[in-house]
Amino acid sequence: QVQLVESGGGLVQPGGSLRLSCAASGIFFSINAMGWYRQAPGKQRELVATITNGGVANSGDSVKGRITISRDNVKNAVYLQMNSQKPEDTVVYYCNVLRKVLGDKVTEYWGQGTQVTVSS
């Protein structure tokens, strides 16, 4: 029943900005972290940024200095502001929800993906 609804993807010019949004529904337990990953065809899924319930953020090396991640714990939503977009940012972005169950055991949920294209 958990659903992650993603929005904000699309076409942006090099150097431009866009904002990705993800809203989770059907959540009956607390969410420990939310974030965004991206994956190009034939490559491993790559961390973009995550943020915990306490507001601790982590980001991947490829986007450091160009992104800001935030969340709304009431709405179970996470937002990714991406600036200074580059052609290599053209990839599918996936929303992620992480829930700790017991000890080191975790449960993760993924969105269907939203395409970002950086082109003139």
PDB file of N, CA and C in Angstrom:
ATOM      1  N   GLN A   1       0.811  -1.213   0.000  1.00  0.00           N
ATOM      2  CA  GLN A   1       0.000   0.000   0.000  1.00  0.00           C
ATOM      3  C   GLN A   1       0.842   1.259   0.000  1.00  0.00           C
ATOM      4  N   VAL A   2       2.137   1.122   0.230  1.00  0.00           N
ATOM      5  CA  VAL A   2       3.019   2.282   0.217  1.00  0.00           C
ATOM      6  C   VAL A   2       3.198   2.762  -1.215  1.00  0.00           C
ATOM      7  N   GLN A   3       2.968   4.037  -1.431  1.00  0.00           N
ATOM      8  CA  GLN A   3       3.118   4.640  -2.743  1.00  0.00           C
ATOM      9  C   GLN A   3       3.939   5.917  -2.636  1.00  0.00           C
ATOM     10  N   LEU A   4       4.871   6.082  -3.565  1.00  0.00           N
ATOM     11  CA  LEU A   4       5.687   7.277  -3.634  1.00  0.00           C
ATOM     12  C   LEU A   4       5.371   7.992  -4.942  1.00  0.00           C
ATOM     13  N   VAL A   5       4.830   9.186  -4.838  1.00  0.00           N
ATOM     14  CA  VAL A   5       4.448   9.966  -6.005  1.00  0.00           C
ATOM     15  C   VAL A   5       5.505  11.026  -6.257  1.00  0.00           C
ATOM     16  N   GLU A   6       6.167  10.928  -7.414  1.00  0.00           N
ATOM     17  CA  GLU A   6       7.255  11.820  -7.771  1.00  0.00           C
ATOM     18  C   GLU A   6       6.787  12.843  -8.799  1.00  0.00           C
ATOM     19  N   SER A   7       7.365  14.038  -8.725  1.00  0.00           N
ATOM     20  CA  SER A   7       7.049  15.082  -9.685  1.00  0.00           C
ATOM     21  C   SER A   7       8.217  16.058  -9.788  1.00  0.00           C
ATOM     22  N   GLY A   8       8.214  16.861 -10.836  1.00  0.00           N
ATOM     23  CA  GLY A   8       9.218  17.899 -11.009  1.00  0.00           C
ATOM     24  C   GLY A   8      10.247  17.621 -12.077  1.00  0.00           C
ATOM     25  N   GLY A   9      10.296  16.412 -12.593  1.00  0.00           N
ATOM     26  CA  GLY A   9      11.245  16.091 -13.635  1.00  0.00           C
ATOM     27  C   GLY A   9      10.853  16.732 -14.955  1.00  0.00           C
ATOM     28  N   GLY A  10      11.813  16.788 -15.869  1.00  0.00           N
ATOM     29  CA  GLY A  10      11.552  17.368 -17.173  1.00  0.00           C
ATOM     30  C   GLY A  10      12.800  17.922 -17.808  1.00  0.00           C
ATOM     31  N   LEU A  11      12.607  18.851 -18.736  1.00  0.00           N
ATOM     32  CA  LEU A  11      13.702  19.447 -19.496  1.00  0.00           C
ATOM     33  C   LEU A  11      14.168  20.742 -18.849  1.00  0.00           C
ATOM     34  N   VAL A  12      15.474  20.883 -18.718  1.00  0.00           N
ATOM     35  CA  VAL A  12      16.067  22.100 -18.173  1.00  0.00           C
ATOM     36  C   VAL A  12      17.344  22.414 -18.945  1.00  0.00           C
ATOM     37  N   GLN A  13      17.636  23.690 -19.142  1.00  0.00           N
ATOM     38  CA  GLN A  13      18.846  24.099 -19.844  1.00  0.00           C
ATOM     39  C   GLN A  13      20.066  23.966 -18.950  1.00  0.00           C
ATOM     40  N   PRO A  14      21.247  23.748 -19.539  1.00  0.00           N
ATOM     41  CA  PRO A  14      22.472  23.715 -18.729  1.00  0.00           C
ATOM     42  C   PRO A  14      22.618  24.979 -17.898  1.00  0.00           C
ATOM     43  N   GLY A  15      22.965  24.802 -16.627  1.00  0.00           N
ATOM     44  CA  GLY A  15      23.074  25.919 -15.710  1.00  0.00           C
ATOM     45  C   GLY A  15      21.775  26.284 -15.030  1.00  0.00           C
ATOM     46  N   GLY A  16      20.691  25.688 -15.469  1.00  0.00           N
ATOM     47  CA  GLY A  16      19.390  25.977 -14.903  1.00  0.00           C
ATOM     48  C   GLY A  16      19.116  25.185 -13.640  1.00  0.00           C
ATOM     49  N   SER A  17      17.904  25.340 -13.123  1.00  0.00           N
ATOM     50  CA  SER A  17      17.518  24.700 -11.876  1.00  0.00           C
ATOM     51  C   SER A  17      16.161  24.027 -12.010  1.00  0.00           C
ATOM     52  N   LEU A  18      15.931  23.040 -11.187  1.00  0.00           N
ATOM     53  CA  LEU A  18      14.628  22.423 -11.065  1.00  0.00           C
ATOM     54  C   LEU A  18      14.471  21.835  -9.672  1.00  0.00           C
ATOM     55  N   ARG A  19      13.231  21.500  -9.343  1.00  0.00           N
ATOM     56  CA  ARG A  19      12.914  21.003  -8.009  1.00  0.00           C
ATOM     57  C   ARG A  19      12.093  19.728  -8.122  1.00  0.00           C
ATOM     58  N   LEU A  20      12.609  18.663  -7.554  1.00  0.00           N
ATOM     59  CA  LEU A  20      11.909  17.390  -7.525  1.00  0.00           C
ATOM     60  C   LEU A  20      11.158  17.238  -6.215  1.00  0.00           C
ATOM     61  N   SER A  21       9.969  16.669  -6.292  1.00  0.00           N
ATOM     62  CA  SER A  21       9.153  16.441  -5.110  1.00  0.00           C
ATOM     63  C   SER A  21       8.749  14.980  -5.040  1.00  0.00           C
ATOM     64  N   CYS A  22       8.609  14.479  -3.830  1.00  0.00           N
ATOM     65  CA  CYS A  22       8.164  13.113  -3.612  1.00  0.00           C
ATOM     66  C   CYS A  22       7.288  13.078  -2.371  1.00  0.00           C
ATOM     67  N   ALA A  23       6.093  12.548  -2.516  1.00  0.00           N
ATOM     68  CA  ALA A  23       5.161  12.422  -1.405  1.00  0.00           C
ATOM     69  C   ALA A  23       4.827  10.956  -1.186  1.00  0.00           C
ATOM     70  N   ALA A  24       4.954  10.502   0.046  1.00  0.00           N
ATOM     71  CA  ALA A  24       4.683   9.116   0.392  1.00  0.00           C
ATOM     72  C   ALA A  24       3.308   8.981   1.024  1.00  0.00           C
ATOM     73  N   SER A  25       2.600   7.942   0.639  1.00  0.00           N
ATOM     74  CA  SER A  25       1.297   7.646   1.218  1.00  0.00           C
ATOM     75  C   SER A  25       1.253   6.177   1.628  1.00  0.00           C
ATOM     76  N   GLY A  26       0.284   5.835   2.472  1.00  0.00           N
ATOM     77  CA  GLY A  26       0.172   4.470   2.942  1.00  0.00           C
ATOM     78  C   GLY A  26       1.229   4.084   3.956  1.00  0.00           C
ATOM     79  N   ILE A  27       1.795   5.078   4.633  1.00  0.00           N
ATOM     80  CA  ILE A  27       2.829   4.842   5.632  1.00  0.00           C
ATOM     81  C   ILE A  27       2.179   4.706   7.006  1.00  0.00           C
ATOM     82  N   PHE A  28       2.351   3.541   7.630  1.00  0.00           N
ATOM     83  CA  PHE A  28       1.768   3.296   8.939  1.00  0.00           C
ATOM     84  C   PHE A  28       2.800   3.278  10.055  1.00  0.00           C
ATOM     85  N   PHE A  29       4.069   3.351   9.693  1.00  0.00           N
ATOM     86  CA  PHE A  29       5.152   3.428  10.654  1.00  0.00           C
ATOM     87  C   PHE A  29       5.984   4.663  10.375  1.00  0.00           C
ATOM     88  N   SER A  30       6.794   5.036  11.332  1.00  0.00           N
ATOM     89  CA  SER A  30       7.608   6.225  11.178  1.00  0.00           C
ATOM     90  C   SER A  30       8.670   6.020  10.096  1.00  0.00           C
ATOM     91  N   ILE A  31       8.957   7.090   9.368  1.00  0.00           N
ATOM     92  CA  ILE A  31       9.988   7.077   8.335  1.00  0.00           C
ATOM     93  C   ILE A  31      11.269   7.639   8.927  1.00  0.00           C
ATOM     94  N   ASN A  32      12.351   6.896   8.796  1.00  0.00           N
ATOM     95  CA  ASN A  32      13.618   7.325   9.361  1.00  0.00           C
ATOM     96  C   ASN A  32      14.406   8.235   8.425  1.00  0.00           C
ATOM     97  N   ALA A  33      14.264   8.017   7.121  1.00  0.00           N
ATOM     98  CA  ALA A  33      14.972   8.849   6.159  1.00  0.00           C
ATOM     99  C   ALA A  33      14.264   8.823   4.813  1.00  0.00           C
ATOM    100  N   MET A  34      14.382   9.905   4.081  1.00  0.00           N
ATOM    101  CA  MET A  34      13.877   9.997   2.725  1.00  0.00           C
ATOM    102  C   MET A  34      14.965  10.622   1.860  1.00  0.00           C
ATOM    103  N   GLY A  35      14.910  10.344   0.574  1.00  0.00           N
ATOM    104  CA  GLY A  35      15.918  10.931  -0.286  1.00  0.00           C
ATOM    105  C   GLY A  35      15.730  10.605  -1.746  1.00  0.00           C
ATOM    106  N   TRP A  36      16.764  10.917  -2.511  1.00  0.00           N
ATOM    107  CA  TRP A  36      16.758  10.726  -3.950  1.00  0.00           C
ATOM    108  C   TRP A  36      18.009  10.020  -4.413  1.00  0.00           C
ATOM    109  N   TYR A  37      17.841   9.098  -5.334  1.00  0.00           N
ATOM    110  CA  TYR A  37      18.924   8.418  -6.014  1.00  0.00           C
ATOM    111  C   TYR A  37      18.710   8.570  -7.512  1.00  0.00           C
ATOM    112  N   ARG A  38      19.746   8.275  -8.292  1.00  0.00           N
ATOM    113  CA  ARG A  38      19.597   8.320  -9.733  1.00  0.00           C
ATOM    114  C   ARG A  38      20.347   7.158 -10.360  1.00  0.00           C
ATOM    115  N   GLN A  39      19.903   6.758 -11.541  1.00  0.00           N
ATOM    116  CA  GLN A  39      20.483   5.596 -12.193  1.00  0.00           C
ATOM    117  C   GLN A  39      20.415   5.739 -13.702  1.00  0.00           C
ATOM    118  N   ALA A  40      21.570   5.614 -14.335  1.00  0.00           N
ATOM    119  CA  ALA A  40      21.665   5.605 -15.783  1.00  0.00           C
ATOM    120  C   ALA A  40      21.593   4.167 -16.277  1.00  0.00           C
ATOM    121  N   PRO A  41      21.144   3.951 -17.511  1.00  0.00           N
ATOM    122  CA  PRO A  41      21.059   2.589 -18.043  1.00  0.00           C
ATOM    123  C   PRO A  41      22.391   1.862 -17.971  1.00  0.00           C
ATOM    124  N   GLY A  42      22.374   0.646 -17.429  1.00  0.00           N
ATOM    125  CA  GLY A  42      23.577  -0.161 -17.334  1.00  0.00           C
ATOM    126  C   GLY A  42      24.515   0.202 -16.203  1.00  0.00           C
ATOM    127  N   LYS A  43      24.138   1.169 -15.378  1.00  0.00           N
ATOM    128  CA  LYS A  43      24.987   1.584 -14.278  1.00  0.00           C
ATOM    129  C   LYS A  43      24.284   1.371 -12.944  1.00  0.00           C
ATOM    130  N   GLN A  44      25.081   1.394 -11.862  1.00  0.00           N
ATOM    131  CA  GLN A  44      24.538   1.230 -10.528  1.00  0.00           C
ATOM    132  C   GLN A  44      23.768   2.470 -10.098  1.00  0.00           C
ATOM    133  N   ARG A  45      22.803   2.250  -9.231  1.00  0.00           N
ATOM    134  CA  ARG A  45      22.054   3.363  -8.685  1.00  0.00           C
ATOM    135  C   ARG A  45      22.969   4.208  -7.792  1.00  0.00           C
ATOM    136  N   GLU A  46      22.906   5.513  -7.957  1.00  0.00           N
ATOM    137  CA  GLU A  46      23.825   6.447  -7.323  1.00  0.00           C
ATOM    138  C   GLU A  46      23.091   7.352  -6.338  1.00  0.00           C
ATOM    139  N   LEU A  47      23.704   7.566  -5.194  1.00  0.00           N
ATOM    140  CA  LEU A  47      23.138   8.473  -4.197  1.00  0.00           C
ATOM    141  C   LEU A  47      23.172   9.908  -4.706  1.00  0.00           C
ATOM    142  N   VAL A  48      22.043  10.596  -4.581  1.00  0.00           N
ATOM    143  CA  VAL A  48      21.986  12.031  -4.814  1.00  0.00           C
ATOM    144  C   VAL A  48      22.006  12.739  -3.463  1.00  0.00           C
ATOM    145  N   ALA A  49      20.979  12.501  -2.652  1.00  0.00           N
ATOM    146  CA  ALA A  49      20.929  13.073  -1.313  1.00  0.00           C
ATOM    147  C   ALA A  49      19.862  12.378  -0.489  1.00  0.00           C
ATOM    148  N   THR A  50      20.094  12.289   0.813  1.00  0.00           N
ATOM    149  CA  THR A  50      19.110  11.781   1.756  1.00  0.00           C
ATOM    150  C   THR A  50      19.039  12.718   2.945  1.00  0.00           C
ATOM    151  N   ILE A  51      17.940  12.621   3.680  1.00  0.00           N
ATOM    152  CA  ILE A  51      17.773  13.433   4.881  1.00  0.00           C
ATOM    153  C   ILE A  51      16.992  12.628   5.910  1.00  0.00           C
ATOM    154  N   THR A  52      17.448  12.653   7.161  1.00  0.00           N
ATOM    155  CA  THR A  52      16.804  11.906   8.231  1.00  0.00           C
ATOM    156  C   THR A  52      15.689  12.726   8.854  1.00  0.00           C
ATOM    157  N   ASN A  53      14.939  12.074   9.753  1.00  0.00           N
ATOM    158  CA  ASN A  53      13.884  12.785  10.478  1.00  0.00           C
ATOM    159  C   ASN A  53      14.443  13.940  11.287  1.00  0.00           C
ATOM    160  N   GLY A  54      15.684  13.800  11.748  1.00  0.00           N
ATOM    161  CA  GLY A  54      16.325  14.845  12.516  1.00  0.00           C
ATOM    162  C   GLY A  54      16.944  15.943  11.678  1.00  0.00           C
ATOM    163  N   GLY A  55      16.846  15.840  10.361  1.00  0.00           N
ATOM    164  CA  GLY A  55      17.352  16.877   9.485  1.00  0.00           C
ATOM    165  C   GLY A  55      18.804  16.719   9.080  1.00  0.00           C
ATOM    166  N   VAL A  56      19.398  15.551   9.333  1.00  0.00           N
ATOM    167  CA  VAL A  56      20.772  15.308   8.935  1.00  0.00           C
ATOM    168  C   VAL A  56      20.808  14.879   7.473  1.00  0.00           C
ATOM    169  N   ALA A  57      21.523  15.637   6.654  1.00  0.00           N
ATOM    170  CA  ALA A  57      21.556  15.396   5.222  1.00  0.00           C
ATOM    171  C   ALA A  57      22.884  14.793   4.785  1.00  0.00           C
ATOM    172  N   ASN A  58      22.813  14.004   3.727  1.00  0.00           N
ATOM    173  CA  ASN A  58      23.987  13.412   3.109  1.00  0.00           C
ATOM    174  C   ASN A  58      23.805  13.472   1.601  1.00  0.00           C
ATOM    175  N   SER A  59      24.879  13.760   0.876  1.00  0.00           N
ATOM    176  CA  SER A  59      24.781  13.888  -0.571  1.00  0.00           C
ATOM    177  C   SER A  59      25.935  13.191  -1.263  1.00  0.00           C
ATOM    178  N   GLY A  60      25.719  12.840  -2.521  1.00  0.00           N
ATOM    179  CA  GLY A  60      26.748  12.202  -3.310  1.00  0.00           C
ATOM    180  C   GLY A  60      27.768  13.195  -3.833  1.00  0.00           C
ATOM    181  N   ASP A  61      28.968  12.686  -4.142  1.00  0.00           N
ATOM    182  CA  ASP A  61      30.050  13.555  -4.590  1.00  0.00           C
ATOM    183  C   ASP A  61      29.727  14.271  -5.901  1.00  0.00           C
ATOM    184  N   SER A  62      28.956  13.644  -6.756  1.00  0.00           N
ATOM    185  CA  SER A  62      28.675  14.204  -8.064  1.00  0.00           C
ATOM    186  C   SER A  62      27.785  15.440  -8.025  1.00  0.00           C
ATOM    187  N   VAL A  63      27.102  15.665  -6.894  1.00  0.00           N
ATOM    188  CA  VAL A  63      26.167  16.783  -6.819  1.00  0.00           C
ATOM    189  C   VAL A  63      26.466  17.729  -5.669  1.00  0.00           C
ATOM    190  N   LYS A  64      27.533  17.493  -4.948  1.00  0.00           N
ATOM    191  CA  LYS A  64      27.868  18.343  -3.806  1.00  0.00           C
ATOM    192  C   LYS A  64      28.024  19.789  -4.225  1.00  0.00           C
ATOM    193  N   GLY A  65      27.384  20.669  -3.456  1.00  0.00           N
ATOM    194  CA  GLY A  65      27.432  22.085  -3.739  1.00  0.00           C
ATOM    195  C   GLY A  65      26.378  22.563  -4.709  1.00  0.00           C
ATOM    196  N   ARG A  66      25.622  21.649  -5.308  1.00  0.00           N
ATOM    197  CA  ARG A  66      24.633  22.023  -6.310  1.00  0.00           C
ATOM    198  C   ARG A  66      23.210  21.654  -5.921  1.00  0.00           C
ATOM    199  N   ILE A  67      23.043  21.001  -4.787  1.00  0.00           N
ATOM    200  CA  ILE A  67      21.712  20.555  -4.394  1.00  0.00           C
ATOM    201  C   ILE A  67      21.382  20.938  -2.955  1.00  0.00           C
ATOM    202  N   THR A  68      20.088  21.041  -2.702  1.00  0.00           N
ATOM    203  CA  THR A  68      19.577  21.244  -1.358  1.00  0.00           C
ATOM    204  C   THR A  68      18.403  20.293  -1.156  1.00  0.00           C
ATOM    205  N   ILE A  69      18.462  19.485  -0.115  1.00  0.00           N
ATOM    206  CA  ILE A  69      17.392  18.551   0.172  1.00  0.00           C
ATOM    207  C   ILE A  69      16.661  18.984   1.432  1.00  0.00           C
ATOM    208  N   SER A  70      15.352  18.838   1.425  1.00  0.00           N
ATOM    209  CA  SER A  70      14.535  19.184   2.573  1.00  0.00           C
ATOM    210  C   SER A  70      13.364  18.210   2.658  1.00  0.00           C
ATOM    211  N   ARG A  71      12.691  18.195   3.794  1.00  0.00           N
ATOM    212  CA  ARG A  71      11.565  17.286   3.964  1.00  0.00           C
ATOM    213  C   ARG A  71      10.488  17.906   4.830  1.00  0.00           C
ATOM    214  N   ASP A  72       9.292  17.384   4.682  1.00  0.00           N
ATOM    215  CA  ASP A  72       8.150  17.763   5.495  1.00  0.00           C
ATOM    216  C   ASP A  72       7.670  16.493   6.174  1.00  0.00           C
ATOM    217  N   ASN A  73       7.962  16.355   7.456  1.00  0.00           N
ATOM    218  CA  ASN A  73       7.626  15.133   8.179  1.00  0.00           C
ATOM    219  C   ASN A  73       6.122  14.948   8.361  1.00  0.00           C
ATOM    220  N   VAL A  74       5.388  16.040   8.358  1.00  0.00           N
ATOM    221  CA  VAL A  74       3.937  15.953   8.491  1.00  0.00           C
ATOM    222  C   VAL A  74       3.321  15.397   7.219  1.00  0.00           C
ATOM    223  N   LYS A  75       3.788  15.879   6.075  1.00  0.00           N
ATOM    224  CA  LYS A  75       3.264  15.441   4.784  1.00  0.00           C
ATOM    225  C   LYS A  75       3.961  14.200   4.245  1.00  0.00           C
ATOM    226  N   ASN A  76       4.997  13.723   4.935  1.00  0.00           N
ATOM    227  CA  ASN A  76       5.810  12.604   4.451  1.00  0.00           C
ATOM    228  C   ASN A  76       6.322  12.885   3.040  1.00  0.00           C
ATOM    229  N   ALA A  77       6.900  14.056   2.876  1.00  0.00           N
ATOM    230  CA  ALA A  77       7.388  14.480   1.573  1.00  0.00           C
ATOM    231  C   ALA A  77       8.854  14.889   1.654  1.00  0.00           C
ATOM    232  N   VAL A  78       9.549  14.748   0.543  1.00  0.00           N
ATOM    233  CA  VAL A  78      10.937  15.162   0.436  1.00  0.00           C
ATOM    234  C   VAL A  78      11.101  15.966  -0.844  1.00  0.00           C
ATOM    235  N   TYR A  79      11.952  16.992  -0.787  1.00  0.00           N
ATOM    236  CA  TYR A  79      12.140  17.894  -1.907  1.00  0.00           C
ATOM    237  C   TYR A  79      13.625  18.014  -2.227  1.00  0.00           C
ATOM    238  N   LEU A  80      13.933  18.050  -3.508  1.00  0.00           N
ATOM    239  CA  LEU A  80      15.313  18.168  -3.962  1.00  0.00           C
ATOM    240  C   LEU A  80      15.431  19.351  -4.902  1.00  0.00           C
ATOM    241  N   GLN A  81      16.132  20.388  -4.463  1.00  0.00           N
ATOM    242  CA  GLN A  81      16.417  21.551  -5.288  1.00  0.00           C
ATOM    243  C   GLN A  81      17.771  21.340  -5.953  1.00  0.00           C
ATOM    244  N   MET A  82      17.791  21.345  -7.278  1.00  0.00           N
ATOM    245  CA  MET A  82      19.015  21.120  -8.021  1.00  0.00           C
ATOM    246  C   MET A  82      19.350  22.350  -8.853  1.00  0.00           C
ATOM    247  N   ASN A  83      20.546  22.883  -8.651  1.00  0.00           N
ATOM    248  CA  ASN A  83      21.010  24.066  -9.353  1.00  0.00           C
ATOM    249  C   ASN A  83      22.209  23.734 -10.236  1.00  0.00           C
ATOM    250  N   SER A  84      22.549  24.669 -11.114  1.00  0.00           N
ATOM    251  CA  SER A  84      23.709  24.522 -11.992  1.00  0.00           C
ATOM    252  C   SER A  84      23.715  23.166 -12.690  1.00  0.00           C
ATOM    253  N   GLN A  85      22.608  22.836 -13.306  1.00  0.00           N
ATOM    254  CA  GLN A  85      22.461  21.533 -13.938  1.00  0.00           C
ATOM    255  C   GLN A  85      23.428  21.351 -15.102  1.00  0.00           C
ATOM    256  N   LYS A  86      23.937  20.137 -15.211  1.00  0.00           N
ATOM    257  CA  LYS A  86      24.898  19.773 -16.238  1.00  0.00           C
ATOM    258  C   LYS A  86      24.323  18.661 -17.111  1.00  0.00           C
ATOM    259  N   PRO A  87      24.831  18.521 -18.345  1.00  0.00           N
ATOM    260  CA  PRO A  87      24.333  17.444 -19.210  1.00  0.00           C
ATOM    261  C   PRO A  87      24.446  16.062 -18.576  1.00  0.00           C
ATOM    262  N   GLU A  88      25.470  15.835 -17.750  1.00  0.00           N
ATOM    263  CA  GLU A  88      25.629  14.542 -17.108  1.00  0.00           C
ATOM    264  C   GLU A  88      24.574  14.272 -16.038  1.00  0.00           C
ATOM    265  N   ASP A  89      23.786  15.284 -15.695  1.00  0.00           N
ATOM    266  CA  ASP A  89      22.675  15.096 -14.774  1.00  0.00           C
ATOM    267  C   ASP A  89      21.456  14.505 -15.465  1.00  0.00           C
ATOM    268  N   THR A  90      21.544  14.297 -16.759  1.00  0.00           N
ATOM    269  CA  THR A  90      20.458  13.699 -17.530  1.00  0.00           C
ATOM    270  C   THR A  90      20.365  12.212 -17.203  1.00  0.00           C
ATOM    271  N   VAL A  91      19.380  11.871 -16.392  1.00  0.00           N
ATOM    272  CA  VAL A  91      19.232  10.509 -15.902  1.00  0.00           C
ATOM    273  C   VAL A  91      17.882  10.392 -15.211  1.00  0.00           C
ATOM    274  N   VAL A  92      17.495   9.178 -14.867  1.00  0.00           N
ATOM    275  CA  VAL A  92      16.252   8.962 -14.134  1.00  0.00           C
ATOM    276  C   VAL A  92      16.522   9.070 -12.638  1.00  0.00           C
ATOM    277  N   TYR A  93      15.681   9.826 -11.951  1.00  0.00           N
ATOM    278  CA  TYR A  93      15.812  10.032 -10.522  1.00  0.00           C
ATOM    279  C   TYR A  93      14.714   9.270  -9.785  1.00  0.00           C
ATOM    280  N   TYR A  94      15.095   8.619  -8.682  1.00  0.00           N
ATOM    281  CA  TYR A  94      14.171   7.785  -7.925  1.00  0.00           C
ATOM    282  C   TYR A  94      14.054   8.260  -6.477  1.00  0.00           C
ATOM    283  N   CYS A  95      12.840   8.390  -6.005  1.00  0.00           N
ATOM    284  CA  CYS A  95      12.594   8.719  -4.610  1.00  0.00           C
ATOM    285  C   CYS A  95      12.759   7.472  -3.751  1.00  0.00           C
ATOM    286  N   ASN A  96      13.299   7.653  -2.553  1.00  0.00           N
ATOM    287  CA  ASN A  96      13.553   6.538  -1.646  1.00  0.00           C
ATOM    288  C   ASN A  96      13.046   6.850  -0.247  1.00  0.00           C
ATOM    289  N   VAL A  97      12.429   5.856   0.376  1.00  0.00           N
ATOM    290  CA  VAL A  97      11.995   5.938   1.771  1.00  0.00           C
ATOM    291  C   VAL A  97      12.628   4.795   2.533  1.00  0.00           C
ATOM    292  N   LEU A  98      13.245   5.091   3.663  1.00  0.00           N
ATOM    293  CA  LEU A  98      13.893   4.088   4.487  1.00  0.00           C
ATOM    294  C   LEU A  98      13.246   4.048   5.859  1.00  0.00           C
ATOM    295  N   ARG A  99      12.907   2.832   6.304  1.00  0.00           N
ATOM    296  CA  ARG A  99      12.306   2.630   7.609  1.00  0.00           C
ATOM    297  C   ARG A  99      13.076   1.557   8.371  1.00  0.00           C
ATOM    298  N   LYS A 100      13.537   1.891   9.543  1.00  0.00           N
ATOM    299  CA  LYS A 100      14.210   0.927  10.399  1.00  0.00           C
ATOM    300  C   LYS A 100      13.173   0.091  11.141  1.00  0.00           C
ATOM    301  N   VAL A 101      13.318  -1.223  11.075  1.00  0.00           N
ATOM    302  CA  VAL A 101      12.362  -2.134  11.700  1.00  0.00           C
ATOM    303  C   VAL A 101      12.864  -2.604  13.058  1.00  0.00           C
ATOM    304  N   LEU A 102      14.021  -3.256  13.074  1.00  0.00           N
ATOM    305  CA  LEU A 102      14.598  -3.787  14.304  1.00  0.00           C
ATOM    306  C   LEU A 102      16.100  -3.906  14.124  1.00  0.00           C
ATOM    307  N   GLY A 103      16.841  -3.274  14.993  1.00  0.00           N
ATOM    308  CA  GLY A 103      18.285  -3.323  14.906  1.00  0.00           C
ATOM    309  C   GLY A 103      18.779  -2.788  13.577  1.00  0.00           C
ATOM    310  N   ASP A 104      19.527  -3.609  12.834  1.00  0.00           N
ATOM    311  CA  ASP A 104      20.056  -3.215  11.536  1.00  0.00           C
ATOM    312  C   ASP A 104      19.101  -3.513  10.385  1.00  0.00           C
ATOM    313  N   LYS A 105      17.970  -4.114  10.674  1.00  0.00           N
ATOM    314  CA  LYS A 105      17.010  -4.448   9.629  1.00  0.00           C
ATOM    315  C   LYS A 105      16.285  -3.188   9.165  1.00  0.00           C
ATOM    316  N   VAL A 106      16.217  -3.010   7.849  1.00  0.00           N
ATOM    317  CA  VAL A 106      15.554  -1.848   7.278  1.00  0.00           C
ATOM    318  C   VAL A 106      14.614  -2.280   6.164  1.00  0.00           C
ATOM    319  N   THR A 107      13.637  -1.446   5.915  1.00  0.00           N
ATOM    320  CA  THR A 107      12.725  -1.632   4.801  1.00  0.00           C
ATOM    321  C   THR A 107      12.796  -0.393   3.919  1.00  0.00           C
ATOM    322  N   GLU A 108      12.955  -0.594   2.632  1.00  0.00           N
ATOM    323  CA  GLU A 108      13.053   0.518   1.695  1.00  0.00           C
ATOM    324  C   GLU A 108      11.947   0.468   0.659  1.00  0.00           C
ATOM    325  N   TYR A 109      11.516   1.634   0.239  1.00  0.00           N
ATOM    326  CA  TYR A 109      10.510   1.773  -0.796  1.00  0.00           C
ATOM    327  C   TYR A 109      11.037   2.724  -1.863  1.00  0.00           C
ATOM    328  N   TRP A 110      10.652   2.470  -3.116  1.00  0.00           N
ATOM    329  CA  TRP A 110      11.151   3.247  -4.243  1.00  0.00           C
ATOM    330  C   TRP A 110      10.022   3.780  -5.099  1.00  0.00           C
ATOM    331  N   GLY A 111      10.226   4.985  -5.611  1.00  0.00           N
ATOM    332  CA  GLY A 111       9.308   5.540  -6.578  1.00  0.00           C
ATOM    333  C   GLY A 111       9.547   4.942  -7.951  1.00  0.00           C
ATOM    334  N   GLN A 112       8.677   5.255  -8.891  1.00  0.00           N
ATOM    335  CA  GLN A 112       8.784   4.703 -10.231  1.00  0.00           C
ATOM    336  C   GLN A 112       9.860   5.383 -11.069  1.00  0.00           C
ATOM    337  N   GLY A 113      10.326   6.533 -10.642  1.00  0.00           N
ATOM    338  CA  GLY A 113      11.364   7.265 -11.347  1.00  0.00           C
ATOM    339  C   GLY A 113      10.817   8.418 -12.158  1.00  0.00           C
ATOM    340  N   THR A 114      11.557   9.511 -12.190  1.00  0.00           N
ATOM    341  CA  THR A 114      11.194  10.670 -12.997  1.00  0.00           C
ATOM    342  C   THR A 114      12.414  11.111 -13.801  1.00  0.00           C
ATOM    343  N   GLN A 115      12.211  11.355 -15.090  1.00  0.00           N
ATOM    344  CA  GLN A 115      13.305  11.670 -16.000  1.00  0.00           C
ATOM    345  C   GLN A 115      13.678  13.145 -15.926  1.00  0.00           C
ATOM    346  N   VAL A 116      14.978  13.408 -15.806  1.00  0.00           N
ATOM    347  CA  VAL A 116      15.520  14.760 -15.901  1.00  0.00           C
ATOM    348  C   VAL A 116      16.423  14.827 -17.132  1.00  0.00           C
ATOM    349  N   THR A 117      16.193  15.817 -17.977  1.00  0.00           N
ATOM    350  CA  THR A 117      16.993  16.000 -19.184  1.00  0.00           C
ATOM    351  C   THR A 117      17.578  17.404 -19.190  1.00  0.00           C
ATOM    352  N   VAL A 118      18.900  17.487 -19.253  1.00  0.00           N
ATOM    353  CA  VAL A 118      19.599  18.772 -19.279  1.00  0.00           C
ATOM    354  C   VAL A 118      20.147  18.973 -20.685  1.00  0.00           C
ATOM    355  N   SER A 119      19.572  19.917 -21.412  1.00  0.00           N
ATOM    356  CA  SER A 119      19.946  20.128 -22.805  1.00  0.00           C
ATOM    357  C   SER A 119      19.599  21.541 -23.234  1.00  0.00           C
ATOM    358  N   SER A 120      20.370  22.051 -24.210  1.00  0.00           N
ATOM    359  CA  SER A 120      20.085  23.356 -24.784  1.00  0.00           C
ATOM    360  C   SER A 120      19.003  23.276 -25.842  1.00  0.00           C
TER     361      SER A 120
END
